[in-house]
Amino acid sequence: MTLQLKVPNMACSACGESITKAVKTVDPTATVQADPKTKLVRIETQVSKAAITEAISAAGYTVA
């Protein structure tokens, strides 16, 4: 399943790396593409959207 989430407070590539690490804690096989310019994160995962959103939030980012 592909998720596309807007993360308004992702400011730079380091933020993207933090978000990627957070997602990988709940789904180590996930493919994550984070774009700080558009504030969009594309995730290819088998885990529920709720679990992914929770992991990103726990890392300190807002999911819009």
N, C-alpha and C. Protein backbone atom coordinates (compact mmCIF):
# COMPACT_ATOMS: atom_id res chain seq x y z
N MET A 1 0.85 -1.17 0.00
CA MET A 1 0.00 0.00 0.00
C MET A 1 0.89 1.23 0.00
N THR A 2 0.51 2.24 -0.75
CA THR A 2 1.27 3.48 -0.81
C THR A 2 0.53 4.56 -0.03
N LEU A 3 1.26 5.20 0.87
CA LEU A 3 0.70 6.31 1.63
C LEU A 3 1.38 7.58 1.18
N GLN A 4 0.64 8.66 1.10
CA GLN A 4 1.24 9.97 0.85
C GLN A 4 0.77 10.87 1.97
N LEU A 5 1.71 11.29 2.79
CA LEU A 5 1.38 12.10 3.96
C LEU A 5 2.02 13.47 3.86
N LYS A 6 1.31 14.48 4.31
CA LYS A 6 1.86 15.83 4.36
C LYS A 6 2.41 16.06 5.76
N VAL A 7 3.67 16.48 5.83
CA VAL A 7 4.34 16.74 7.11
C VAL A 7 4.82 18.19 7.09
N PRO A 8 3.95 19.12 7.54
CA PRO A 8 4.24 20.55 7.41
C PRO A 8 5.52 21.02 8.10
N ASN A 9 5.94 20.35 9.18
CA ASN A 9 7.14 20.84 9.86
C ASN A 9 8.41 20.08 9.48
N MET A 10 8.40 19.42 8.32
CA MET A 10 9.63 18.82 7.79
C MET A 10 10.37 19.92 7.04
N ALA A 11 11.53 20.32 7.56
CA ALA A 11 12.20 21.49 7.02
C ALA A 11 13.40 21.17 6.13
N CYS A 12 14.03 20.02 6.32
CA CYS A 12 15.28 19.76 5.60
C CYS A 12 15.46 18.26 5.38
N SER A 13 16.55 17.90 4.73
CA SER A 13 16.79 16.48 4.46
C SER A 13 17.05 15.70 5.74
N ALA A 14 17.60 16.35 6.76
CA ALA A 14 17.81 15.67 8.05
C ALA A 14 16.46 15.29 8.67
N CYS A 15 15.46 16.16 8.50
CA CYS A 15 14.10 15.85 8.97
C CYS A 15 13.59 14.62 8.22
N GLY A 16 13.84 14.58 6.93
CA GLY A 16 13.42 13.44 6.11
C GLY A 16 14.05 12.15 6.60
N GLU A 17 15.33 12.22 7.00
CA GLU A 17 16.02 11.04 7.51
C GLU A 17 15.41 10.60 8.84
N SER A 18 15.06 11.56 9.69
CA SER A 18 14.43 11.23 10.98
C SER A 18 13.08 10.55 10.76
N ILE A 19 12.32 11.06 9.80
CA ILE A 19 11.01 10.48 9.49
C ILE A 19 11.20 9.07 8.93
N THR A 20 12.18 8.90 8.06
CA THR A 20 12.46 7.58 7.50
C THR A 20 12.80 6.58 8.61
N LYS A 21 13.66 6.99 9.54
CA LYS A 21 14.02 6.12 10.67
C LYS A 21 12.78 5.76 11.49
N ALA A 22 11.92 6.73 11.73
CA ALA A 22 10.70 6.50 12.52
C ALA A 22 9.81 5.47 11.83
N VAL A 23 9.65 5.61 10.52
CA VAL A 23 8.81 4.66 9.76
C VAL A 23 9.43 3.26 9.80
N LYS A 24 10.75 3.20 9.67
CA LYS A 24 11.43 1.89 9.64
C LYS A 24 11.35 1.17 10.98
N THR A 25 11.07 1.90 12.07
CA THR A 25 10.92 1.22 13.36
C THR A 25 9.64 0.38 13.38
N VAL A 26 8.60 0.81 12.67
CA VAL A 26 7.37 0.02 12.62
C VAL A 26 7.30 -0.90 11.41
N ASP A 27 8.03 -0.56 10.34
CA ASP A 27 8.08 -1.42 9.15
C ASP A 27 9.47 -1.35 8.53
N PRO A 28 10.37 -2.26 8.94
CA PRO A 28 11.75 -2.24 8.44
C PRO A 28 11.86 -2.38 6.92
N THR A 29 10.83 -2.93 6.28
CA THR A 29 10.88 -3.14 4.83
C THR A 29 10.25 -1.99 4.05
N ALA A 30 9.79 -0.96 4.74
CA ALA A 30 9.11 0.16 4.06
C ALA A 30 10.07 0.92 3.16
N THR A 31 9.52 1.46 2.07
CA THR A 31 10.26 2.36 1.20
C THR A 31 9.74 3.76 1.49
N VAL A 32 10.65 4.67 1.84
CA VAL A 32 10.25 6.03 2.23
C VAL A 32 10.92 7.05 1.33
N GLN A 33 10.13 7.98 0.79
CA GLN A 33 10.65 9.10 0.02
C GLN A 33 10.12 10.37 0.67
N ALA A 34 11.02 11.14 1.26
CA ALA A 34 10.61 12.38 1.93
C ALA A 34 11.13 13.57 1.13
N ASP A 35 10.25 14.50 0.83
CA ASP A 35 10.63 15.70 0.07
C ASP A 35 10.36 16.95 0.91
N PRO A 36 11.42 17.53 1.49
CA PRO A 36 11.24 18.72 2.34
C PRO A 36 10.65 19.92 1.59
N LYS A 37 10.86 20.01 0.29
CA LYS A 37 10.34 21.15 -0.48
C LYS A 37 8.82 21.12 -0.55
N THR A 38 8.26 19.95 -0.84
CA THR A 38 6.80 19.83 -0.97
C THR A 38 6.15 19.43 0.35
N LYS A 39 6.99 19.03 1.34
CA LYS A 39 6.51 18.57 2.66
C LYS A 39 5.75 17.26 2.56
N LEU A 40 5.98 16.51 1.48
CA LEU A 40 5.28 15.24 1.30
C LEU A 40 6.20 14.06 1.58
N VAL A 41 5.62 13.04 2.19
CA VAL A 41 6.35 11.80 2.45
C VAL A 41 5.55 10.68 1.79
N ARG A 42 6.22 9.96 0.88
CA ARG A 42 5.59 8.81 0.21
C ARG A 42 6.15 7.55 0.84
N ILE A 43 5.26 6.68 1.27
CA ILE A 43 5.69 5.47 1.97
C ILE A 43 5.02 4.26 1.34
N GLU A 44 5.83 3.29 0.98
CA GLU A 44 5.34 2.01 0.48
C GLU A 44 5.47 1.04 1.65
N THR A 45 4.33 0.59 2.20
CA THR A 45 4.36 -0.20 3.42
C THR A 45 3.22 -1.21 3.48
N GLN A 46 3.38 -2.18 4.37
CA GLN A 46 2.32 -3.15 4.64
C GLN A 46 1.64 -2.84 5.98
N VAL A 47 2.14 -1.82 6.68
CA VAL A 47 1.64 -1.45 8.01
C VAL A 47 0.51 -0.42 7.85
N SER A 48 -0.39 -0.37 8.82
CA SER A 48 -1.53 0.54 8.74
C SER A 48 -1.09 2.01 8.76
N LYS A 49 -1.92 2.85 8.16
CA LYS A 49 -1.64 4.29 8.14
C LYS A 49 -1.56 4.83 9.56
N ALA A 50 -2.41 4.32 10.44
CA ALA A 50 -2.42 4.78 11.84
C ALA A 50 -1.07 4.52 12.51
N ALA A 51 -0.50 3.34 12.28
CA ALA A 51 0.79 2.99 12.89
C ALA A 51 1.90 3.88 12.34
N ILE A 52 1.88 4.15 11.04
CA ILE A 52 2.90 5.01 10.42
C ILE A 52 2.77 6.44 10.95
N THR A 53 1.54 6.96 10.98
CA THR A 53 1.29 8.31 11.48
C THR A 53 1.75 8.45 12.92
N GLU A 54 1.48 7.43 13.73
CA GLU A 54 1.87 7.45 15.13
C GLU A 54 3.40 7.48 15.27
N ALA A 55 4.10 6.71 14.45
CA ALA A 55 5.56 6.68 14.50
C ALA A 55 6.16 8.03 14.11
N ILE A 56 5.59 8.67 13.08
CA ILE A 56 6.08 9.98 12.65
C ILE A 56 5.80 11.01 13.73
N SER A 57 4.63 10.96 14.33
CA SER A 57 4.27 11.88 15.41
C SER A 57 5.18 11.70 16.62
N ALA A 58 5.49 10.45 16.93
CA ALA A 58 6.38 10.14 18.07
C ALA A 58 7.79 10.71 17.84
N ALA A 59 8.17 10.85 16.57
CA ALA A 59 9.48 11.41 16.24
C ALA A 59 9.47 12.94 16.31
N GLY A 60 8.28 13.51 16.58
CA GLY A 60 8.20 14.95 16.76
C GLY A 60 7.68 15.73 15.56
N TYR A 61 7.09 15.02 14.61
CA TYR A 61 6.58 15.68 13.40
C TYR A 61 5.07 15.62 13.36
N THR A 62 4.49 16.64 12.74
CA THR A 62 3.05 16.72 12.60
C THR A 62 2.64 16.13 11.27
N VAL A 63 1.64 15.26 11.28
CA VAL A 63 1.09 14.73 10.03
C VAL A 63 -0.24 15.41 9.79
N ALA A 64 -0.33 16.14 8.68
CA ALA A 64 -1.54 16.91 8.38
C ALA A 64 -2.57 16.02 7.69
